[in-house]
């Protein structure tokens, strides 16, 4: 490693980026009509998939800050 080289732990793997957190809907995005699924239900499902994907990503990158 040369003096100006970044530590290898700081180099992100462009082939395996971390998952992207879903965007939370605004309150105004819900029509209040009791839709099934509601935009908030859809968001909660996407958030759970994100959490699972993030945990798997962290497991693949264990030992890398």
Foldseek 3Di string as FASTA:
>chain_A
DDPPDDPPLPDDDPVQDQDDQDDQDDPVQFPPPPDVVTSNVVNVVSRVVSVVSRVVSCVVSPPRD
